[in-house]
Amino acid sequence: MKYGARNQLTGKVTKIKRGNLMSQVNFDIPANSPMSSVMTIDSLDNLGIKEGDQIRVVVKAVNVLLIKE
């Protein structure tokens, strides 16, 4: 499968929170930074993602904001 997004990382799923309609998938990437993704329960089930799985993270964002405090 081809992707237009250029930002791709690998990670490991650390926790999944399932709601009634949506789910939150937490994962770690090699930069030792926790990240998360929100998706529908149907998408989560269709992808078969489980805690401990190795995943590829494809990031395509309209806006990426950097803030210096």
PDB file of N, CA and C in Angstrom:
ATOM      1  N   MET A   1       0.844  -1.172   0.000  1.00  0.00           N
ATOM      2  CA  MET A   1       0.000   0.000   0.000  1.00  0.00           C
ATOM      3  C   MET A   1       0.893   1.240   0.000  1.00  0.00           C
ATOM      4  N   LYS A   2       0.549   2.228  -0.809  1.00  0.00           N
ATOM      5  CA  LYS A   2       1.316   3.471  -0.876  1.00  0.00           C
ATOM      6  C   LYS A   2       0.638   4.544  -0.034  1.00  0.00           C
ATOM      7  N   TYR A   3       1.461   5.425   0.544  1.00  0.00           N
ATOM      8  CA  TYR A   3       0.968   6.510   1.384  1.00  0.00           C
ATOM      9  C   TYR A   3       1.530   7.825   0.884  1.00  0.00           C
ATOM     10  N   GLY A   4       0.746   8.886   0.959  1.00  0.00           N
ATOM     11  CA  GLY A   4       1.223  10.214   0.617  1.00  0.00           C
ATOM     12  C   GLY A   4       1.974  10.855   1.768  1.00  0.00           C
ATOM     13  N   ALA A   5       1.746  10.364   2.979  1.00  0.00           N
ATOM     14  CA  ALA A   5       2.404  10.929   4.157  1.00  0.00           C
ATOM     15  C   ALA A   5       3.862  10.485   4.193  1.00  0.00           C
ATOM     16  N   ARG A   6       4.748  11.411   4.458  1.00  0.00           N
ATOM     17  CA  ARG A   6       6.177  11.111   4.492  1.00  0.00           C
ATOM     18  C   ARG A   6       6.667  10.772   5.895  1.00  0.00           C
ATOM     19  N   ASN A   7       5.912  11.142   6.908  1.00  0.00           N
ATOM     20  CA  ASN A   7       6.335  10.915   8.288  1.00  0.00           C
ATOM     21  C   ASN A   7       5.851   9.557   8.768  1.00  0.00           C
ATOM     22  N   GLN A   8       6.761   8.581   8.794  1.00  0.00           N
ATOM     23  CA  GLN A   8       6.420   7.232   9.218  1.00  0.00           C
ATOM     24  C   GLN A   8       7.389   6.768  10.287  1.00  0.00           C
ATOM     25  N   LEU A   9       6.855   6.230  11.361  1.00  0.00           N
ATOM     26  CA  LEU A   9       7.636   5.732  12.485  1.00  0.00           C
ATOM     27  C   LEU A   9       7.144   4.334  12.821  1.00  0.00           C
ATOM     28  N   THR A  10       7.932   3.596  13.573  1.00  0.00           N
ATOM     29  CA  THR A  10       7.453   2.322  14.106  1.00  0.00           C
ATOM     30  C   THR A  10       7.272   2.494  15.597  1.00  0.00           C
ATOM     31  N   GLY A  11       6.375   1.726  16.158  1.00  0.00           N
ATOM     32  CA  GLY A  11       6.105   1.842  17.584  1.00  0.00           C
ATOM     33  C   GLY A  11       5.534   0.566  18.147  1.00  0.00           C
ATOM     34  N   LYS A  12       5.297   0.576  19.451  1.00  0.00           N
ATOM     35  CA  LYS A  12       4.716  -0.567  20.153  1.00  0.00           C
ATOM     36  C   LYS A  12       3.512  -0.090  20.948  1.00  0.00           C
ATOM     37  N   VAL A  13       2.375  -0.773  20.777  1.00  0.00           N
ATOM     38  CA  VAL A  13       1.144  -0.417  21.478  1.00  0.00           C
ATOM     39  C   VAL A  13       1.304  -0.724  22.961  1.00  0.00           C
ATOM     40  N   THR A  14       1.050   0.284  23.797  1.00  0.00           N
ATOM     41  CA  THR A  14       1.208   0.108  25.244  1.00  0.00           C
ATOM     42  C   THR A  14      -0.118  -0.001  25.976  1.00  0.00           C
ATOM     43  N   LYS A  15      -1.177   0.622  25.440  1.00  0.00           N
ATOM     44  CA  LYS A  15      -2.472   0.595  26.130  1.00  0.00           C
ATOM     45  C   LYS A  15      -3.570   0.942  25.139  1.00  0.00           C
ATOM     46  N   ILE A  16      -4.722   0.313  25.298  1.00  0.00           N
ATOM     47  CA  ILE A  16      -5.894   0.625  24.478  1.00  0.00           C
ATOM     48  C   ILE A  16      -7.057   0.917  25.414  1.00  0.00           C
ATOM     49  N   LYS A  17      -7.678   2.083  25.232  1.00  0.00           N
ATOM     50  CA  LYS A  17      -8.893   2.438  25.982  1.00  0.00           C
ATOM     51  C   LYS A  17     -10.055   2.346  25.001  1.00  0.00           C
ATOM     52  N   ARG A  18     -11.032   1.505  25.312  1.00  0.00           N
ATOM     53  CA  ARG A  18     -12.191   1.330  24.443  1.00  0.00           C
ATOM     54  C   ARG A  18     -13.383   2.047  25.045  1.00  0.00           C
ATOM     55  N   GLY A  19     -14.029   2.886  24.239  1.00  0.00           N
ATOM     56  CA  GLY A  19     -15.269   3.537  24.647  1.00  0.00           C
ATOM     57  C   GLY A  19     -16.429   2.864  23.948  1.00  0.00           C
ATOM     58  N   ASN A  20     -17.569   3.544  23.914  1.00  0.00           N
ATOM     59  CA  ASN A  20     -18.741   2.988  23.236  1.00  0.00           C
ATOM     60  C   ASN A  20     -18.615   3.080  21.713  1.00  0.00           C
ATOM     61  N   LEU A  21     -18.001   4.154  21.235  1.00  0.00           N
ATOM     62  CA  LEU A  21     -17.874   4.375  19.802  1.00  0.00           C
ATOM     63  C   LEU A  21     -16.417   4.537  19.365  1.00  0.00           C
ATOM     64  N   MET A  22     -15.617   5.187  20.205  1.00  0.00           N
ATOM     65  CA  MET A  22     -14.230   5.511  19.865  1.00  0.00           C
ATOM     66  C   MET A  22     -13.266   4.764  20.782  1.00  0.00           C
ATOM     67  N   SER A  23     -12.025   4.674  20.348  1.00  0.00           N
ATOM     68  CA  SER A  23     -10.973   4.066  21.158  1.00  0.00           C
ATOM     69  C   SER A  23      -9.737   4.953  21.102  1.00  0.00           C
ATOM     70  N   GLN A  24      -8.909   4.858  22.132  1.00  0.00           N
ATOM     71  CA  GLN A  24      -7.633   5.566  22.165  1.00  0.00           C
ATOM     72  C   GLN A  24      -6.530   4.527  22.258  1.00  0.00           C
ATOM     73  N   VAL A  25      -5.604   4.577  21.303  1.00  0.00           N
ATOM     74  CA  VAL A  25      -4.491   3.634  21.262  1.00  0.00           C
ATOM     75  C   VAL A  25      -3.225   4.393  21.652  1.00  0.00           C
ATOM     76  N   ASN A  26      -2.607   4.017  22.773  1.00  0.00           N
ATOM     77  CA  ASN A  26      -1.358   4.624  23.220  1.00  0.00           C
ATOM     78  C   ASN A  26      -0.204   3.745  22.752  1.00  0.00           C
ATOM     79  N   PHE A  27       0.897   4.381  22.350  1.00  0.00           N
ATOM     80  CA  PHE A  27       2.043   3.622  21.868  1.00  0.00           C
ATOM     81  C   PHE A  27       3.317   4.410  22.112  1.00  0.00           C
ATOM     82  N   ASP A  28       4.431   3.712  22.131  1.00  0.00           N
ATOM     83  CA  ASP A  28       5.755   4.318  22.262  1.00  0.00           C
ATOM     84  C   ASP A  28       6.476   4.203  20.932  1.00  0.00           C
ATOM     85  N   ILE A  29       7.244   5.234  20.601  1.00  0.00           N
ATOM     86  CA  ILE A  29       8.069   5.224  19.398  1.00  0.00           C
ATOM     87  C   ILE A  29       9.538   5.232  19.817  1.00  0.00           C
ATOM     88  N   PRO A  30      10.474   4.932  18.919  1.00  0.00           N
ATOM     89  CA  PRO A  30      11.886   4.823  19.283  1.00  0.00           C
ATOM     90  C   PRO A  30      12.479   6.055  19.962  1.00  0.00           C
ATOM     91  N   ALA A  31      11.923   7.232  19.735  1.00  0.00           N
ATOM     92  CA  ALA A  31      12.449   8.444  20.371  1.00  0.00           C
ATOM     93  C   ALA A  31      12.078   8.490  21.850  1.00  0.00           C
ATOM     94  N   ASN A  32      11.557   7.375  22.374  1.00  0.00           N
ATOM     95  CA  ASN A  32      11.143   7.262  23.770  1.00  0.00           C
ATOM     96  C   ASN A  32      10.099   8.324  24.112  1.00  0.00           C
ATOM     97  N   SER A  33       9.190   8.555  23.185  1.00  0.00           N
ATOM     98  CA  SER A  33       8.126   9.532  23.373  1.00  0.00           C
ATOM     99  C   SER A  33       6.780   8.844  23.244  1.00  0.00           C
ATOM    100  N   PRO A  34       5.946   8.958  24.266  1.00  0.00           N
ATOM    101  CA  PRO A  34       4.610   8.358  24.146  1.00  0.00           C
ATOM    102  C   PRO A  34       3.744   9.180  23.202  1.00  0.00           C
ATOM    103  N   MET A  35       2.936   8.496  22.423  1.00  0.00           N
ATOM    104  CA  MET A  35       1.986   9.132  21.504  1.00  0.00           C
ATOM    105  C   MET A  35       0.668   8.370  21.608  1.00  0.00           C
ATOM    106  N   SER A  36      -0.383   8.935  21.011  1.00  0.00           N
ATOM    107  CA  SER A  36      -1.650   8.215  20.971  1.00  0.00           C
ATOM    108  C   SER A  36      -2.413   8.568  19.710  1.00  0.00           C
ATOM    109  N   SER A  37      -3.359   7.708  19.371  1.00  0.00           N
ATOM    110  CA  SER A  37      -4.221   7.902  18.217  1.00  0.00           C
ATOM    111  C   SER A  37      -5.644   7.558  18.618  1.00  0.00           C
ATOM    112  N   VAL A  38      -6.597   8.318  18.122  1.00  0.00           N
ATOM    113  CA  VAL A  38      -8.009   8.052  18.390  1.00  0.00           C
ATOM    114  C   VAL A  38      -8.638   7.531  17.105  1.00  0.00           C
ATOM    115  N   MET A  39      -9.376   6.433  17.222  1.00  0.00           N
ATOM    116  CA  MET A  39     -10.053   5.837  16.071  1.00  0.00           C
ATOM    117  C   MET A  39     -11.343   5.182  16.523  1.00  0.00           C
ATOM    118  N   THR A  40     -12.205   4.867  15.569  1.00  0.00           N
ATOM    119  CA  THR A  40     -13.453   4.200  15.917  1.00  0.00           C
ATOM    120  C   THR A  40     -13.155   2.772  16.388  1.00  0.00           C
ATOM    121  N   ILE A  41     -14.075   2.234  17.158  1.00  0.00           N
ATOM    122  CA  ILE A  41     -13.969   0.846  17.611  1.00  0.00           C
ATOM    123  C   ILE A  41     -13.948  -0.092  16.400  1.00  0.00           C
ATOM    124  N   ASP A  42     -14.764   0.210  15.383  1.00  0.00           N
ATOM    125  CA  ASP A  42     -14.786  -0.623  14.175  1.00  0.00           C
ATOM    126  C   ASP A  42     -13.408  -0.664  13.512  1.00  0.00           C
ATOM    127  N   SER A  43     -12.745   0.491  13.396  1.00  0.00           N
ATOM    128  CA  SER A  43     -11.408   0.528  12.787  1.00  0.00           C
ATOM    129  C   SER A  43     -10.412  -0.263  13.620  1.00  0.00           C
ATOM    130  N   LEU A  44     -10.474  -0.099  14.941  1.00  0.00           N
ATOM    131  CA  LEU A  44      -9.585  -0.837  15.832  1.00  0.00           C
ATOM    132  C   LEU A  44      -9.767  -2.343  15.645  1.00  0.00           C
ATOM    133  N   ASP A  45     -11.016  -2.786  15.614  1.00  0.00           N
ATOM    134  CA  ASP A  45     -11.297  -4.218  15.444  1.00  0.00           C
ATOM    135  C   ASP A  45     -10.888  -4.717  14.055  1.00  0.00           C
ATOM    136  N   ASN A  46     -11.149  -3.912  13.013  1.00  0.00           N
ATOM    137  CA  ASN A  46     -10.774  -4.308  11.653  1.00  0.00           C
ATOM    138  C   ASN A  46      -9.269  -4.439  11.491  1.00  0.00           C
ATOM    139  N   LEU A  47      -8.508  -3.555  12.128  1.00  0.00           N
ATOM    140  CA  LEU A  47      -7.053  -3.626  12.060  1.00  0.00           C
ATOM    141  C   LEU A  47      -6.485  -4.721  12.954  1.00  0.00           C
ATOM    142  N   GLY A  48      -7.256  -5.153  13.944  1.00  0.00           N
ATOM    143  CA  GLY A  48      -6.798  -6.213  14.833  1.00  0.00           C
ATOM    144  C   GLY A  48      -5.667  -5.777  15.761  1.00  0.00           C
ATOM    145  N   ILE A  49      -5.623  -4.494  16.098  1.00  0.00           N
ATOM    146  CA  ILE A  49      -4.551  -3.977  16.953  1.00  0.00           C
ATOM    147  C   ILE A  49      -4.799  -4.389  18.401  1.00  0.00           C
ATOM    148  N   LYS A  50      -3.725  -4.899  19.030  1.00  0.00           N
ATOM    149  CA  LYS A  50      -3.795  -5.328  20.427  1.00  0.00           C
ATOM    150  C   LYS A  50      -2.592  -4.772  21.176  1.00  0.00           C
ATOM    151  N   GLU A  51      -2.706  -4.681  22.503  1.00  0.00           N
ATOM    152  CA  GLU A  51      -1.580  -4.237  23.322  1.00  0.00           C
ATOM    153  C   GLU A  51      -0.377  -5.143  23.073  1.00  0.00           C
ATOM    154  N   GLY A  52       0.799  -4.531  22.945  1.00  0.00           N
ATOM    155  CA  GLY A  52       2.021  -5.277  22.693  1.00  0.00           C
ATOM    156  C   GLY A  52       2.372  -5.409  21.218  1.00  0.00           C
ATOM    157  N   ASP A  53       1.431  -5.087  20.323  1.00  0.00           N
ATOM    158  CA  ASP A  53       1.682  -5.184  18.874  1.00  0.00           C
ATOM    159  C   ASP A  53       2.704  -4.150  18.423  1.00  0.00           C
ATOM    160  N   GLN A  54       3.525  -4.519  17.436  1.00  0.00           N
ATOM    161  CA  GLN A  54       4.387  -3.574  16.745  1.00  0.00           C
ATOM    162  C   GLN A  54       3.550  -2.951  15.632  1.00  0.00           C
ATOM    163  N   ILE A  55       3.595  -1.633  15.523  1.00  0.00           N
ATOM    164  CA  ILE A  55       2.780  -0.937  14.532  1.00  0.00           C
ATOM    165  C   ILE A  55       3.631   0.060  13.745  1.00  0.00           C
ATOM    166  N   ARG A  56       3.124   0.466  12.591  1.00  0.00           N
ATOM    167  CA  ARG A  56       3.726   1.566  11.849  1.00  0.00           C
ATOM    168  C   ARG A  56       2.827   2.772  12.050  1.00  0.00           C
ATOM    169  N   VAL A  57       3.418   3.898  12.399  1.00  0.00           N
ATOM    170  CA  VAL A  57       2.693   5.132  12.650  1.00  0.00           C
ATOM    171  C   VAL A  57       2.906   6.039  11.430  1.00  0.00           C
ATOM    172  N   VAL A  58       1.822   6.366  10.754  1.00  0.00           N
ATOM    173  CA  VAL A  58       1.895   7.252   9.601  1.00  0.00           C
ATOM    174  C   VAL A  58       1.247   8.569  10.017  1.00  0.00           C
ATOM    175  N   VAL A  59       2.020   9.656   9.953  1.00  0.00           N
ATOM    176  CA  VAL A  59       1.544  10.952  10.432  1.00  0.00           C
ATOM    177  C   VAL A  59       1.359  11.894   9.244  1.00  0.00           C
ATOM    178  N   LYS A  60       0.152  12.384   9.092  1.00  0.00           N
ATOM    179  CA  LYS A  60      -0.120  13.405   8.080  1.00  0.00           C
ATOM    180  C   LYS A  60      -1.003  14.443   8.764  1.00  0.00           C
ATOM    181  N   ALA A  61      -0.455  15.616   8.962  1.00  0.00           N
ATOM    182  CA  ALA A  61      -1.184  16.659   9.675  1.00  0.00           C
ATOM    183  C   ALA A  61      -1.240  17.928   8.843  1.00  0.00           C
ATOM    184  N   VAL A  62      -2.359  18.594   8.914  1.00  0.00           N
ATOM    185  CA  VAL A  62      -2.494  19.869   8.242  1.00  0.00           C
ATOM    186  C   VAL A  62      -1.658  20.915   8.971  1.00  0.00           C
ATOM    187  N   ASN A  63      -1.686  20.876  10.297  1.00  0.00           N
ATOM    188  CA  ASN A  63      -0.931  21.812  11.115  1.00  0.00           C
ATOM    189  C   ASN A  63      -0.108  21.065  12.152  1.00  0.00           C
ATOM    190  N   VAL A  64       1.137  21.423  12.277  1.00  0.00           N
ATOM    191  CA  VAL A  64       1.989  20.929  13.353  1.00  0.00           C
ATOM    192  C   VAL A  64       2.503  22.163  14.073  1.00  0.00           C
ATOM    193  N   LEU A  65       2.145  22.312  15.335  1.00  0.00           N
ATOM    194  CA  LEU A  65       2.491  23.503  16.087  1.00  0.00           C
ATOM    195  C   LEU A  65       3.641  23.234  17.045  1.00  0.00           C
ATOM    196  N   LEU A  66       4.617  24.113  17.076  1.00  0.00           N
ATOM    197  CA  LEU A  66       5.712  24.062  18.039  1.00  0.00           C
ATOM    198  C   LEU A  66       5.549  25.251  18.968  1.00  0.00           C
ATOM    199  N   ILE A  67       5.692  25.001  20.262  1.00  0.00           N
ATOM    200  CA  ILE A  67       5.526  26.062  21.256  1.00  0.00           C
ATOM    201  C   ILE A  67       6.741  26.052  22.172  1.00  0.00           C
ATOM    202  N   LYS A  68       7.333  27.203  22.359  1.00  0.00           N
ATOM    203  CA  LYS A  68       8.425  27.354  23.302  1.00  0.00           C
ATOM    204  C   LYS A  68       7.916  28.162  24.474  1.00  0.00           C
ATOM    205  N   GLU A  69       7.991  27.563  25.661  1.00  0.00           N
ATOM    206  CA  GLU A  69       7.496  28.259  26.857  1.00  0.00           C
ATOM    207  C   GLU A  69       8.630  28.755  27.705  1.00  0.00           C
TER     208      GLU A  69
END
